[in-house]
N, C-alpha and C. Protein backbone atom coordinates (compact mmCIF):
# COMPACT_ATOMS: atom_id res chain seq x y z
N MET A 1 13.68 -33.60 39.71
CA MET A 1 13.58 -32.21 39.30
C MET A 1 12.19 -31.96 38.72
N ASN A 2 11.59 -30.90 39.12
CA ASN A 2 10.24 -30.57 38.67
C ASN A 2 10.33 -29.77 37.37
N THR A 3 9.88 -30.36 36.26
CA THR A 3 9.96 -29.67 34.96
C THR A 3 8.85 -28.64 34.81
N ASN A 4 7.81 -28.72 35.60
CA ASN A 4 6.72 -27.76 35.51
C ASN A 4 7.14 -26.36 35.98
N ALA A 5 8.20 -26.29 36.78
CA ALA A 5 8.65 -25.00 37.29
C ALA A 5 9.20 -24.11 36.17
N THR A 6 9.70 -24.70 35.11
CA THR A 6 10.28 -23.91 34.02
C THR A 6 9.27 -23.61 32.92
N ARG A 7 8.11 -24.23 32.95
CA ARG A 7 7.09 -23.99 31.92
C ARG A 7 6.23 -22.80 32.31
N ARG A 8 5.80 -22.06 31.34
CA ARG A 8 4.90 -20.95 31.60
C ARG A 8 3.50 -21.48 31.86
N PRO A 9 2.77 -20.81 32.72
CA PRO A 9 1.38 -21.23 32.96
C PRO A 9 0.56 -21.09 31.67
N ARG A 10 -0.45 -21.92 31.56
CA ARG A 10 -1.30 -21.93 30.37
C ARG A 10 -1.91 -20.56 30.10
N ALA A 11 -2.33 -19.85 31.15
CA ALA A 11 -2.93 -18.53 30.98
C ALA A 11 -1.92 -17.55 30.36
N ALA A 12 -0.65 -17.62 30.77
CA ALA A 12 0.36 -16.73 30.21
C ALA A 12 0.58 -17.02 28.73
N ARG A 13 0.55 -18.29 28.35
CA ARG A 13 0.70 -18.65 26.93
C ARG A 13 -0.48 -18.13 26.13
N ARG A 14 -1.69 -18.19 26.70
CA ARG A 14 -2.88 -17.68 26.01
C ARG A 14 -2.79 -16.16 25.83
N LEU A 15 -2.35 -15.45 26.88
CA LEU A 15 -2.21 -14.00 26.78
C LEU A 15 -1.19 -13.62 25.72
N ARG A 16 -0.07 -14.35 25.68
CA ARG A 16 0.95 -14.05 24.67
C ARG A 16 0.40 -14.30 23.28
N SER A 17 -0.35 -15.39 23.10
CA SER A 17 -0.95 -15.68 21.80
C SER A 17 -1.94 -14.60 21.41
N ALA A 18 -2.75 -14.15 22.34
CA ALA A 18 -3.71 -13.09 22.06
C ALA A 18 -3.00 -11.80 21.68
N ALA A 19 -1.90 -11.49 22.35
CA ALA A 19 -1.15 -10.28 22.04
C ALA A 19 -0.56 -10.35 20.63
N VAL A 20 -0.05 -11.51 20.25
CA VAL A 20 0.50 -11.68 18.91
C VAL A 20 -0.59 -11.51 17.85
N LEU A 21 -1.77 -12.09 18.09
CA LEU A 21 -2.88 -11.96 17.14
C LEU A 21 -3.35 -10.51 17.05
N THR A 22 -3.41 -9.82 18.18
CA THR A 22 -3.81 -8.42 18.18
C THR A 22 -2.82 -7.57 17.40
N ALA A 23 -1.53 -7.81 17.61
CA ALA A 23 -0.50 -7.07 16.87
C ALA A 23 -0.60 -7.34 15.38
N ALA A 24 -0.87 -8.58 15.00
CA ALA A 24 -1.00 -8.91 13.59
C ALA A 24 -2.22 -8.24 12.98
N ALA A 25 -3.33 -8.20 13.71
CA ALA A 25 -4.53 -7.54 13.21
C ALA A 25 -4.31 -6.04 13.06
N LEU A 26 -3.61 -5.43 14.02
CA LEU A 26 -3.31 -4.01 13.94
C LEU A 26 -2.41 -3.71 12.74
N ALA A 27 -1.40 -4.54 12.53
CA ALA A 27 -0.50 -4.35 11.39
C ALA A 27 -1.26 -4.47 10.08
N ALA A 28 -2.19 -5.41 10.00
CA ALA A 28 -2.98 -5.58 8.78
C ALA A 28 -3.88 -4.38 8.54
N SER A 29 -4.47 -3.82 9.60
CA SER A 29 -5.35 -2.66 9.42
C SER A 29 -4.54 -1.43 9.02
N VAL A 30 -3.35 -1.27 9.60
CA VAL A 30 -2.50 -0.15 9.21
C VAL A 30 -2.05 -0.30 7.77
N ALA A 31 -1.72 -1.51 7.36
CA ALA A 31 -1.32 -1.75 5.96
C ALA A 31 -2.46 -1.39 5.02
N GLY A 32 -3.69 -1.69 5.41
CA GLY A 32 -4.84 -1.33 4.59
C GLY A 32 -5.02 0.16 4.49
N ILE A 33 -4.79 0.88 5.58
CA ILE A 33 -4.89 2.34 5.57
C ILE A 33 -3.81 2.93 4.68
N VAL A 34 -2.59 2.41 4.79
CA VAL A 34 -1.47 2.93 3.99
C VAL A 34 -1.76 2.77 2.51
N SER A 35 -2.34 1.65 2.13
CA SER A 35 -2.59 1.41 0.71
C SER A 35 -3.75 2.22 0.17
N THR A 36 -4.65 2.69 1.06
CA THR A 36 -5.82 3.42 0.57
C THR A 36 -5.82 4.90 0.94
N ALA A 37 -4.83 5.35 1.68
CA ALA A 37 -4.82 6.74 2.14
C ALA A 37 -4.40 7.67 1.02
N GLY A 38 -5.37 8.30 0.39
CA GLY A 38 -5.07 9.22 -0.68
C GLY A 38 -5.24 10.67 -0.26
N THR A 39 -5.72 10.91 0.97
CA THR A 39 -5.98 12.28 1.40
C THR A 39 -4.73 12.99 1.87
N ALA A 40 -3.70 12.26 2.23
CA ALA A 40 -2.46 12.89 2.70
C ALA A 40 -1.29 12.37 1.87
N ASN A 41 -0.29 13.20 1.73
CA ASN A 41 0.88 12.81 0.96
C ASN A 41 1.79 11.87 1.72
N ALA A 42 1.71 11.86 3.02
CA ALA A 42 2.58 11.02 3.83
C ALA A 42 1.86 9.75 4.25
N ALA A 43 2.57 8.64 4.20
CA ALA A 43 2.00 7.37 4.67
C ALA A 43 2.00 7.37 6.19
N PRO A 44 0.90 6.96 6.83
CA PRO A 44 0.85 6.99 8.29
C PRO A 44 1.84 6.03 8.92
N GLU A 45 2.45 6.47 10.00
CA GLU A 45 3.36 5.61 10.74
C GLU A 45 2.58 4.67 11.64
N ALA A 46 1.42 5.10 12.09
CA ALA A 46 0.57 4.29 12.97
C ALA A 46 -0.77 4.99 13.08
N CYS A 47 -1.68 4.40 13.81
CA CYS A 47 -2.97 5.03 14.04
C CYS A 47 -2.76 6.18 15.03
N GLY A 48 -3.46 7.29 14.80
CA GLY A 48 -3.36 8.43 15.70
C GLY A 48 -2.55 9.56 15.09
N TYR A 49 -2.05 10.43 15.96
CA TYR A 49 -1.33 11.62 15.52
C TYR A 49 0.10 11.27 15.15
N TYR A 50 0.58 11.84 14.05
CA TYR A 50 1.99 11.74 13.68
C TYR A 50 2.35 12.95 12.84
N GLU A 51 3.66 13.17 12.71
CA GLU A 51 4.16 14.29 11.93
C GLU A 51 5.02 13.77 10.79
N HIS A 52 4.92 14.46 9.66
CA HIS A 52 5.77 14.17 8.50
C HIS A 52 6.23 15.51 7.95
N ALA A 53 7.55 15.70 7.90
CA ALA A 53 8.12 16.98 7.52
C ALA A 53 7.59 18.04 8.49
N ASP A 54 6.94 19.08 7.99
CA ASP A 54 6.44 20.15 8.85
C ASP A 54 4.93 20.09 9.04
N THR A 55 4.32 18.95 8.74
CA THR A 55 2.87 18.83 8.78
C THR A 55 2.44 17.77 9.78
N GLY A 56 1.36 18.06 10.52
CA GLY A 56 0.78 17.11 11.45
C GLY A 56 -0.40 16.40 10.80
N TYR A 57 -0.53 15.10 11.03
CA TYR A 57 -1.61 14.29 10.46
C TYR A 57 -2.26 13.48 11.57
N PHE A 58 -3.51 13.09 11.35
CA PHE A 58 -4.19 12.15 12.23
C PHE A 58 -4.71 11.00 11.38
N SER A 59 -4.28 9.78 11.71
CA SER A 59 -4.70 8.59 11.00
C SER A 59 -5.77 7.87 11.81
N ASN A 60 -6.97 7.74 11.23
CA ASN A 60 -8.08 7.06 11.88
C ASN A 60 -8.17 5.64 11.32
N CYS A 61 -7.75 4.67 12.09
CA CYS A 61 -7.75 3.27 11.65
C CYS A 61 -9.08 2.58 11.94
N SER A 62 -9.97 3.24 12.66
CA SER A 62 -11.22 2.59 13.04
C SER A 62 -12.23 2.63 11.89
N SER A 63 -13.31 1.92 12.05
CA SER A 63 -14.35 1.87 11.03
C SER A 63 -15.45 2.90 11.29
N GLU A 64 -15.21 3.83 12.24
CA GLU A 64 -16.18 4.87 12.56
C GLU A 64 -15.52 6.24 12.46
N ASP A 65 -16.32 7.25 12.09
CA ASP A 65 -15.82 8.62 12.12
C ASP A 65 -15.52 9.00 13.56
N VAL A 66 -14.51 9.84 13.77
CA VAL A 66 -14.18 10.29 15.12
C VAL A 66 -13.95 11.80 15.13
N THR A 67 -14.24 12.41 16.27
CA THR A 67 -13.90 13.80 16.51
C THR A 67 -12.57 13.80 17.24
N VAL A 68 -11.62 14.57 16.71
CA VAL A 68 -10.28 14.62 17.27
C VAL A 68 -10.06 15.97 17.93
N GLU A 69 -9.50 15.95 19.13
CA GLU A 69 -9.10 17.18 19.81
C GLU A 69 -7.63 17.44 19.50
N ILE A 70 -7.33 18.66 19.10
CA ILE A 70 -5.97 19.02 18.70
C ILE A 70 -5.40 19.99 19.73
N ASP A 71 -4.28 19.62 20.33
CA ASP A 71 -3.59 20.48 21.30
C ASP A 71 -2.69 21.41 20.50
N ASP A 72 -3.22 22.59 20.20
CA ASP A 72 -2.47 23.56 19.43
C ASP A 72 -2.33 24.86 20.22
N TRP A 73 -1.74 25.88 19.63
CA TRP A 73 -1.57 27.16 20.31
C TRP A 73 -2.91 27.71 20.74
N GLY A 74 -2.95 28.26 21.95
CA GLY A 74 -4.20 28.82 22.45
C GLY A 74 -5.15 27.72 22.89
N PHE A 75 -6.43 27.95 22.63
CA PHE A 75 -7.43 26.94 22.99
C PHE A 75 -7.34 25.75 22.04
N ASN A 76 -7.62 24.57 22.57
CA ASN A 76 -7.61 23.37 21.72
C ASN A 76 -8.70 23.47 20.67
N SER A 77 -8.48 22.86 19.53
CA SER A 77 -9.48 22.85 18.46
C SER A 77 -9.93 21.41 18.21
N TYR A 78 -10.99 21.26 17.42
CA TYR A 78 -11.59 19.95 17.15
C TYR A 78 -11.82 19.82 15.66
N THR A 79 -11.71 18.58 15.17
CA THR A 79 -11.99 18.31 13.77
C THR A 79 -12.52 16.89 13.62
N CYS A 80 -13.24 16.66 12.55
CA CYS A 80 -13.76 15.33 12.25
C CYS A 80 -12.78 14.60 11.33
N VAL A 81 -12.49 13.36 11.67
CA VAL A 81 -11.65 12.52 10.80
C VAL A 81 -12.50 11.32 10.38
N PRO A 82 -12.82 11.22 9.09
CA PRO A 82 -13.65 10.11 8.62
C PRO A 82 -13.01 8.75 8.88
N ALA A 83 -13.83 7.72 8.91
CA ALA A 83 -13.36 6.36 9.14
C ALA A 83 -12.31 5.97 8.11
N LYS A 84 -11.32 5.24 8.59
CA LYS A 84 -10.25 4.68 7.74
C LYS A 84 -9.67 5.71 6.78
N SER A 85 -9.24 6.85 7.36
CA SER A 85 -8.65 7.90 6.54
C SER A 85 -7.56 8.62 7.31
N VAL A 86 -6.84 9.46 6.59
CA VAL A 86 -5.80 10.30 7.19
C VAL A 86 -6.16 11.75 6.91
N LYS A 87 -6.08 12.59 7.94
CA LYS A 87 -6.43 14.00 7.77
C LYS A 87 -5.23 14.89 8.09
N ASN A 88 -4.99 15.85 7.22
CA ASN A 88 -3.96 16.85 7.42
C ASN A 88 -4.47 17.85 8.46
N LEU A 89 -3.74 18.00 9.58
CA LEU A 89 -4.16 18.89 10.65
C LEU A 89 -3.50 20.26 10.56
N GLY A 90 -2.53 20.41 9.70
CA GLY A 90 -1.86 21.69 9.54
C GLY A 90 -0.41 21.63 9.97
N SER A 91 0.14 22.80 10.24
CA SER A 91 1.55 22.92 10.58
C SER A 91 1.90 22.21 11.88
N ALA A 92 2.90 21.34 11.83
CA ALA A 92 3.33 20.60 13.02
C ALA A 92 3.95 21.54 14.05
N TRP A 93 4.39 22.72 13.63
CA TRP A 93 4.95 23.69 14.57
C TRP A 93 3.90 24.16 15.57
N ASP A 94 2.65 24.16 15.17
CA ASP A 94 1.58 24.66 16.02
C ASP A 94 0.88 23.57 16.84
N ILE A 95 1.20 22.30 16.58
CA ILE A 95 0.49 21.19 17.21
C ILE A 95 1.42 20.42 18.15
N ASP A 96 0.95 20.22 19.39
CA ASP A 96 1.70 19.40 20.34
C ASP A 96 1.27 17.93 20.28
N ASP A 97 -0.04 17.71 20.09
CA ASP A 97 -0.58 16.35 20.06
C ASP A 97 -2.02 16.41 19.59
N ALA A 98 -2.60 15.25 19.29
CA ALA A 98 -4.01 15.15 18.94
C ALA A 98 -4.49 13.77 19.37
N TRP A 99 -5.76 13.66 19.76
CA TRP A 99 -6.30 12.39 20.23
C TRP A 99 -7.80 12.35 19.94
N VAL A 100 -8.35 11.15 20.03
CA VAL A 100 -9.80 10.97 19.80
C VAL A 100 -10.54 11.57 20.99
N TYR A 101 -11.44 12.50 20.69
CA TYR A 101 -12.26 13.14 21.72
C TYR A 101 -13.54 12.32 21.94
N HIS A 102 -14.18 11.91 20.84
CA HIS A 102 -15.31 10.99 20.94
C HIS A 102 -15.60 10.38 19.57
N VAL A 103 -16.32 9.28 19.57
CA VAL A 103 -16.70 8.60 18.34
C VAL A 103 -17.86 9.37 17.73
N GLY A 104 -17.81 9.54 16.42
CA GLY A 104 -18.85 10.28 15.73
C GLY A 104 -18.44 11.73 15.52
N CYS A 105 -19.05 12.35 14.56
CA CYS A 105 -18.76 13.77 14.26
C CYS A 105 -20.06 14.55 14.32
N ASN A 106 -20.11 15.57 15.17
CA ASN A 106 -21.30 16.39 15.31
C ASN A 106 -20.94 17.82 14.97
């Protein structure tokens, strides 16, 4: 019986290990944001857009300022979210989603 048939290839084990390390690093960065986020009353659920109660927030987990595009009523709007911070975007009733438009704020 060939026992190698049941073992995962070395490359698959490396990819799984890399994924676990990436998830751990992401969790650590989110934990750091949660402990330092004083600009919003709600703790971020993850990096990016999220809603808490009736308010929409954008959590920037990166170390650079970003311009965020907000899909709201009418034409989309844009706002700057400083590095490692959470920004209140306003009423969640008016916002469908928000995402990083580009790095940096102009």
